[in-house]
């Protein structure tokens, strides 16, 4: 799975971000930030990666939606905040 993720990120990350990341250090982290009510429709994966020699994270969310969701930006922000909270030692997931 790591090689698939590495290839995916190498292809799809914006060049400016890809240049900051050492994708050879990609490491799958445990846990999920998807709400229980959305588990059947969404999945997320959190990878740690060295970014210019410092630890960093790439949070990948893949979600199927049959129609637009006006709250999508808010939901993505909640996922990101949950990941940052856990990375700072504040979360137990």
Protein backbone atom coordinates (compact mmCIF):
# COMPACT_ATOMS: atom_id res chain seq x y z
CA UNK A 1 0.00 0.00 0.00
CA UNK A 2 2.89 2.37 0.74
CA UNK A 3 4.22 2.24 -2.82
CA UNK A 4 0.73 2.83 -4.23
CA UNK A 5 0.27 5.82 -1.93
CA UNK A 6 3.71 7.14 -2.84
CA UNK A 7 2.94 6.89 -6.56
CA UNK A 8 -0.50 8.51 -6.07
CA UNK A 9 0.96 11.44 -4.13
CA UNK A 10 3.83 11.84 -6.58
CA UNK A 11 1.32 12.18 -9.42
CA UNK A 12 -1.40 14.23 -7.71
CA UNK A 13 0.29 16.56 -5.21
CA UNK A 14 0.85 20.07 -6.54
CA UNK A 15 4.49 20.44 -7.60
CA UNK A 16 5.19 23.07 -4.91
CA UNK A 17 4.05 20.70 -2.15
CA UNK A 18 5.63 17.59 -3.70
CA UNK A 19 9.02 19.34 -3.73
CA UNK A 20 8.77 19.88 0.05
CA UNK A 21 7.96 16.23 0.81
CA UNK A 22 10.40 13.34 0.98
CA UNK A 23 7.98 10.67 -0.23
CA UNK A 24 10.56 7.98 0.58
CA UNK A 25 9.79 8.63 4.27
CA UNK A 26 6.04 8.09 3.84
CA UNK A 27 4.58 6.24 6.85
CA UNK A 28 0.95 5.17 7.31
CA UNK A 29 -0.40 6.41 10.64
CA UNK A 30 -3.22 4.72 12.53
CA UNK A 31 -6.68 6.13 13.11
CA UNK A 32 -9.41 7.86 11.19
CA UNK A 33 -11.15 11.20 11.51
CA UNK A 34 -14.32 10.33 9.58
CA UNK A 35 -17.52 10.73 11.58
CA UNK A 36 -19.37 7.48 12.33
CA UNK A 37 -22.38 8.60 10.26
CA UNK A 38 -20.16 8.92 7.16
CA UNK A 39 -18.13 5.69 7.50
CA UNK A 40 -20.11 3.99 4.71
CA UNK A 41 -19.42 6.81 2.26
CA UNK A 42 -15.95 8.05 3.13
CA UNK A 43 -12.50 6.87 4.03
CA UNK A 44 -9.44 8.76 5.09
CA UNK A 45 -5.78 7.94 5.46
CA UNK A 46 -3.16 9.87 7.40
CA UNK A 47 0.49 9.62 6.37
CA UNK A 48 3.46 11.13 8.11
CA UNK A 49 6.28 12.35 5.89
CA UNK A 50 9.46 14.35 6.27
CA UNK A 51 9.01 17.85 4.85
CA UNK A 52 12.32 19.64 4.39
CA UNK A 53 13.77 17.50 7.19
CA UNK A 54 10.89 18.17 9.58
CA UNK A 55 7.97 15.88 10.44
CA UNK A 56 4.75 16.61 8.58
CA UNK A 57 1.46 14.96 7.66
CA UNK A 58 -0.55 14.35 4.51
CA UNK A 59 -4.23 13.66 5.14
CA UNK A 60 -5.95 12.00 2.19
CA UNK A 61 -9.75 11.84 2.12
CA UNK A 62 -11.62 9.95 -0.58
CA UNK A 63 -15.35 10.44 -0.56
CA UNK A 64 -18.11 9.47 -2.96
CA UNK A 65 -20.93 11.97 -3.23
CA UNK A 66 -23.92 11.72 -5.49
CA UNK A 67 -24.70 15.43 -5.17
CA UNK A 68 -22.87 18.59 -4.09
CA UNK A 69 -22.49 19.24 -0.38
CA UNK A 70 -22.44 22.89 0.68
CA UNK A 71 -20.76 21.88 3.96
CA UNK A 72 -17.88 19.95 2.35
CA UNK A 73 -15.31 22.66 3.09
CA UNK A 74 -16.37 22.75 6.73
CA UNK A 75 -16.14 18.95 7.01
CA UNK A 76 -12.65 18.92 5.45
CA UNK A 77 -11.59 21.60 7.94
CA UNK A 78 -12.89 19.47 10.82
CA UNK A 79 -10.86 16.48 9.57
CA UNK A 80 -7.72 18.62 9.35
CA UNK A 81 -8.22 20.07 12.84
CA UNK A 82 -8.76 16.58 14.28
CA UNK A 83 -5.52 15.40 12.66
CA UNK A 84 -3.61 18.42 14.01
CA UNK A 85 -5.11 17.89 17.46
CA UNK A 86 -3.94 14.28 17.52
CA UNK A 87 -0.48 15.17 16.17
CA UNK A 88 -0.06 17.72 18.97
CA UNK A 89 -0.71 15.01 21.55
CA UNK A 90 -4.25 16.10 22.32
CA UNK A 91 -6.16 13.22 20.75
CA UNK A 92 -6.43 9.56 21.56
CA UNK A 93 -7.65 8.22 18.20
